[in-house]
């Protein structure tokens, strides 16, 4: 897969917990075109630093190893789907 959605979150974050069902749905809908990677910033502090995370959840869309889009906070499912579709070329 050439497109990856990286979800940086924390278990203590209410907004993250609200977004996880949306992430699960997106993972199911786009399973053939998109890899979803969940990163707990509490366990992976170096990765959080590498991505300069200041707000959780943060969603990073990568294509062929390059960051092409970044969003943070609560994002509507349809908005997130449209952004992903833009990147995967639907």
N, C-alpha and C. Protein backbone atom coordinates (compact mmCIF):
# COMPACT_ATOMS: atom_id res chain seq x y z
N UNK A 1 0.83 -1.19 0.00
CA UNK A 1 0.00 0.00 0.00
C UNK A 1 0.87 1.24 0.00
N UNK A 2 0.48 2.18 -0.77
CA UNK A 2 1.27 3.39 -0.88
C UNK A 2 0.76 4.51 0.02
N UNK A 3 -0.48 4.40 0.50
CA UNK A 3 -1.06 5.46 1.33
C UNK A 3 -1.26 4.92 2.75
N UNK A 4 -0.81 5.73 3.72
CA UNK A 4 -0.91 5.36 5.12
C UNK A 4 -1.55 6.49 5.90
N UNK A 5 -2.49 6.14 6.77
CA UNK A 5 -3.06 7.09 7.72
C UNK A 5 -2.44 6.78 9.07
N UNK A 6 -1.67 7.73 9.59
CA UNK A 6 -1.07 7.58 10.91
C UNK A 6 -1.94 8.35 11.89
N UNK A 7 -2.40 7.65 12.91
CA UNK A 7 -3.25 8.26 13.94
C UNK A 7 -2.43 8.32 15.22
N UNK A 8 -2.10 9.53 15.64
CA UNK A 8 -1.34 9.71 16.88
C UNK A 8 -2.35 10.11 17.96
N UNK A 9 -2.39 9.34 19.04
CA UNK A 9 -3.43 9.51 20.05
C UNK A 9 -2.88 9.22 21.44
N UNK A 10 -3.72 9.46 22.44
CA UNK A 10 -3.43 9.07 23.82
C UNK A 10 -4.71 8.49 24.41
N UNK A 11 -4.57 7.45 25.21
CA UNK A 11 -5.75 6.79 25.79
C UNK A 11 -6.52 7.71 26.74
N UNK A 12 -5.83 8.67 27.37
CA UNK A 12 -6.48 9.57 28.32
C UNK A 12 -7.25 10.70 27.63
N UNK A 13 -7.15 10.79 26.32
CA UNK A 13 -7.71 11.90 25.56
C UNK A 13 -9.15 11.61 25.13
N UNK A 14 -10.14 12.37 25.64
CA UNK A 14 -11.54 12.13 25.26
C UNK A 14 -11.79 12.30 23.76
N UNK A 15 -11.15 13.28 23.14
CA UNK A 15 -11.33 13.49 21.70
C UNK A 15 -10.78 12.31 20.91
N UNK A 16 -9.68 11.76 21.37
CA UNK A 16 -9.11 10.57 20.71
C UNK A 16 -10.08 9.41 20.80
N UNK A 17 -10.64 9.22 21.98
CA UNK A 17 -11.59 8.12 22.18
C UNK A 17 -12.83 8.30 21.33
N UNK A 18 -13.25 9.55 21.12
CA UNK A 18 -14.40 9.82 20.24
C UNK A 18 -14.08 9.50 18.79
N UNK A 19 -12.83 9.70 18.38
CA UNK A 19 -12.45 9.53 16.98
C UNK A 19 -12.13 8.08 16.62
N UNK A 20 -11.84 7.23 17.58
CA UNK A 20 -11.44 5.85 17.26
C UNK A 20 -12.48 5.06 16.48
N UNK A 21 -13.78 5.18 16.78
CA UNK A 21 -14.75 4.48 15.93
C UNK A 21 -14.73 4.97 14.48
N UNK A 22 -14.46 6.26 14.29
CA UNK A 22 -14.34 6.81 12.93
C UNK A 22 -13.12 6.20 12.24
N UNK A 23 -12.01 6.10 12.96
CA UNK A 23 -10.80 5.50 12.40
C UNK A 23 -11.06 4.04 12.04
N UNK A 24 -11.76 3.32 12.91
CA UNK A 24 -12.09 1.92 12.63
C UNK A 24 -12.92 1.80 11.35
N UNK A 25 -13.89 2.67 11.19
CA UNK A 25 -14.75 2.66 10.00
C UNK A 25 -13.93 2.96 8.75
N UNK A 26 -13.06 3.95 8.82
CA UNK A 26 -12.22 4.31 7.67
C UNK A 26 -11.30 3.15 7.31
N UNK A 27 -10.75 2.50 8.33
CA UNK A 27 -9.88 1.35 8.07
C UNK A 27 -10.63 0.25 7.32
N UNK A 28 -11.87 0.03 7.68
CA UNK A 28 -12.68 -1.00 7.02
C UNK A 28 -13.04 -0.59 5.59
N UNK A 29 -13.48 0.64 5.42
CA UNK A 29 -13.93 1.11 4.10
C UNK A 29 -12.79 1.13 3.08
N UNK A 30 -11.60 1.54 3.52
CA UNK A 30 -10.48 1.72 2.59
C UNK A 30 -9.40 0.65 2.76
N UNK A 31 -9.77 -0.53 3.27
CA UNK A 31 -8.77 -1.55 3.60
C UNK A 31 -7.91 -1.98 2.42
N UNK A 32 -8.40 -1.84 1.20
CA UNK A 32 -7.62 -2.22 0.02
C UNK A 32 -6.64 -1.13 -0.42
N UNK A 33 -6.92 0.12 -0.05
CA UNK A 33 -6.10 1.24 -0.53
C UNK A 33 -5.30 1.95 0.55
N UNK A 34 -5.59 1.65 1.82
CA UNK A 34 -5.05 2.45 2.91
C UNK A 34 -4.60 1.56 4.06
N UNK A 35 -3.42 1.84 4.56
CA UNK A 35 -2.95 1.20 5.79
C UNK A 35 -3.15 2.19 6.93
N UNK A 36 -3.73 1.75 8.03
CA UNK A 36 -3.93 2.61 9.19
C UNK A 36 -2.96 2.17 10.28
N UNK A 37 -2.21 3.14 10.79
CA UNK A 37 -1.24 2.88 11.86
C UNK A 37 -1.63 3.76 13.05
N UNK A 38 -1.87 3.14 14.19
CA UNK A 38 -2.22 3.86 15.41
C UNK A 38 -0.97 3.94 16.29
N UNK A 39 -0.66 5.15 16.74
CA UNK A 39 0.52 5.35 17.59
C UNK A 39 0.10 6.04 18.88
N UNK A 40 0.30 5.36 19.99
CA UNK A 40 0.02 5.91 21.31
C UNK A 40 1.21 6.79 21.70
N UNK A 41 0.98 8.10 21.79
CA UNK A 41 2.09 9.02 22.05
C UNK A 41 2.68 8.86 23.45
N UNK A 42 1.94 8.25 24.36
CA UNK A 42 2.47 7.99 25.70
C UNK A 42 3.51 6.88 25.67
N UNK A 43 3.33 5.91 24.79
CA UNK A 43 4.27 4.79 24.68
C UNK A 43 5.38 5.07 23.68
N UNK A 44 5.08 5.87 22.68
CA UNK A 44 6.03 6.15 21.60
C UNK A 44 6.40 7.63 21.60
N UNK A 45 7.05 8.06 22.68
CA UNK A 45 7.34 9.49 22.85
C UNK A 45 8.28 10.04 21.78
N UNK A 46 9.22 9.23 21.33
CA UNK A 46 10.15 9.70 20.29
C UNK A 46 9.43 9.94 18.97
N UNK A 47 8.49 9.06 18.64
CA UNK A 47 7.73 9.25 17.40
C UNK A 47 6.89 10.52 17.52
N UNK A 48 6.29 10.75 18.68
CA UNK A 48 5.51 11.97 18.90
C UNK A 48 6.39 13.20 18.70
N UNK A 49 7.62 13.15 19.18
CA UNK A 49 8.55 14.27 18.98
C UNK A 49 8.91 14.42 17.51
N UNK A 50 9.15 13.29 16.84
CA UNK A 50 9.51 13.33 15.42
C UNK A 50 8.42 14.01 14.59
N UNK A 51 7.16 13.78 14.96
CA UNK A 51 6.03 14.37 14.24
C UNK A 51 5.61 15.72 14.81
N UNK A 52 6.33 16.22 15.82
CA UNK A 52 6.03 17.50 16.46
C UNK A 52 4.57 17.59 16.90
N UNK A 53 4.10 16.57 17.60
CA UNK A 53 2.70 16.50 18.01
C UNK A 53 2.45 17.45 19.17
N UNK A 54 1.47 18.34 18.97
CA UNK A 54 1.05 19.26 20.02
C UNK A 54 -0.40 19.05 20.41
N UNK A 55 -1.18 18.48 19.51
CA UNK A 55 -2.61 18.23 19.73
C UNK A 55 -2.89 16.77 19.40
N UNK A 56 -3.68 16.12 20.24
CA UNK A 56 -4.15 14.78 19.91
C UNK A 56 -5.66 14.79 19.86
N UNK A 57 -6.24 14.02 18.98
CA UNK A 57 -5.57 13.19 18.00
C UNK A 57 -5.01 14.01 16.85
N UNK A 58 -3.94 13.50 16.26
CA UNK A 58 -3.39 14.07 15.02
C UNK A 58 -3.42 12.97 13.97
N UNK A 59 -3.85 13.35 12.78
CA UNK A 59 -3.96 12.42 11.65
C UNK A 59 -2.98 12.86 10.58
N UNK A 60 -2.08 11.98 10.22
CA UNK A 60 -1.08 12.27 9.19
C UNK A 60 -1.31 11.30 8.04
N UNK A 61 -1.51 11.86 6.85
CA UNK A 61 -1.67 11.02 5.66
C UNK A 61 -0.36 11.03 4.90
N UNK A 62 0.18 9.84 4.68
CA UNK A 62 1.45 9.67 3.97
C UNK A 62 1.17 8.99 2.63
N UNK A 63 1.89 9.42 1.61
CA UNK A 63 1.82 8.74 0.32
C UNK A 63 3.24 8.50 -0.14
N UNK A 64 3.54 7.25 -0.42
CA UNK A 64 4.88 6.82 -0.84
C UNK A 64 5.95 7.35 0.12
N UNK A 65 5.64 7.31 1.42
CA UNK A 65 6.60 7.70 2.45
C UNK A 65 6.70 9.18 2.73
N UNK A 66 5.91 10.00 2.04
CA UNK A 66 5.95 11.44 2.24
C UNK A 66 4.65 11.94 2.86
N UNK A 67 4.77 12.85 3.82
CA UNK A 67 3.58 13.43 4.41
C UNK A 67 2.92 14.35 3.39
N UNK A 68 1.63 14.12 3.15
CA UNK A 68 0.90 14.95 2.19
C UNK A 68 -0.22 15.74 2.85
N UNK A 69 -0.62 15.35 4.05
CA UNK A 69 -1.70 16.05 4.72
C UNK A 69 -1.64 15.76 6.22
N UNK A 70 -2.03 16.79 7.01
CA UNK A 70 -2.06 16.63 8.46
C UNK A 70 -3.28 17.37 8.99
N UNK A 71 -3.98 16.71 9.91
CA UNK A 71 -5.15 17.30 10.55
C UNK A 71 -5.09 16.95 12.04
N UNK A 72 -5.70 17.80 12.87
CA UNK A 72 -5.68 17.52 14.31
C UNK A 72 -7.04 17.84 14.92
N UNK A 73 -7.33 17.15 16.01
CA UNK A 73 -8.58 17.38 16.73
C UNK A 73 -9.69 16.49 16.21
N UNK A 74 -10.92 16.89 16.52
CA UNK A 74 -12.08 16.12 16.07
C UNK A 74 -12.36 16.49 14.62
N UNK A 75 -12.38 15.49 13.76
CA UNK A 75 -12.61 15.68 12.32
C UNK A 75 -13.84 14.85 11.96
N UNK A 76 -14.74 15.42 11.22
CA UNK A 76 -15.92 14.68 10.79
C UNK A 76 -15.52 13.52 9.88
N UNK A 77 -16.26 12.43 9.99
CA UNK A 77 -15.94 11.23 9.20
C UNK A 77 -15.94 11.52 7.71
N UNK A 78 -16.93 12.27 7.24
CA UNK A 78 -17.01 12.56 5.80
C UNK A 78 -15.84 13.43 5.34
N UNK A 79 -15.44 14.37 6.17
CA UNK A 79 -14.29 15.22 5.82
C UNK A 79 -13.03 14.37 5.74
N UNK A 80 -12.83 13.52 6.72
CA UNK A 80 -11.65 12.66 6.72
C UNK A 80 -11.65 11.73 5.51
N UNK A 81 -12.81 11.17 5.18
CA UNK A 81 -12.92 10.31 4.00
C UNK A 81 -12.58 11.07 2.72
N UNK A 82 -13.09 12.29 2.59
CA UNK A 82 -12.81 13.09 1.38
C UNK A 82 -11.33 13.40 1.25
N UNK A 83 -10.69 13.70 2.36
CA UNK A 83 -9.25 13.99 2.33
C UNK A 83 -8.47 12.74 1.92
N UNK A 84 -8.86 11.59 2.46
CA UNK A 84 -8.19 10.33 2.10
C UNK A 84 -8.41 10.03 0.63
N UNK A 85 -9.64 10.19 0.16
CA UNK A 85 -9.95 9.93 -1.25
C UNK A 85 -9.16 10.84 -2.18
N UNK A 86 -8.93 12.07 -1.77
CA UNK A 86 -8.11 12.98 -2.56
C UNK A 86 -6.70 12.41 -2.73
N UNK A 87 -6.16 11.85 -1.66
CA UNK A 87 -4.80 11.32 -1.70
C UNK A 87 -4.73 10.00 -2.47
N UNK A 88 -5.72 9.12 -2.26
CA UNK A 88 -5.65 7.82 -2.95
C UNK A 88 -6.14 7.91 -4.39
N UNK A 89 -6.72 9.06 -4.75
CA UNK A 89 -7.09 9.26 -6.14
C UNK A 89 -8.46 8.76 -6.53
N UNK A 90 -9.40 8.76 -5.59
CA UNK A 90 -10.77 8.34 -5.91
C UNK A 90 -11.57 9.50 -6.43
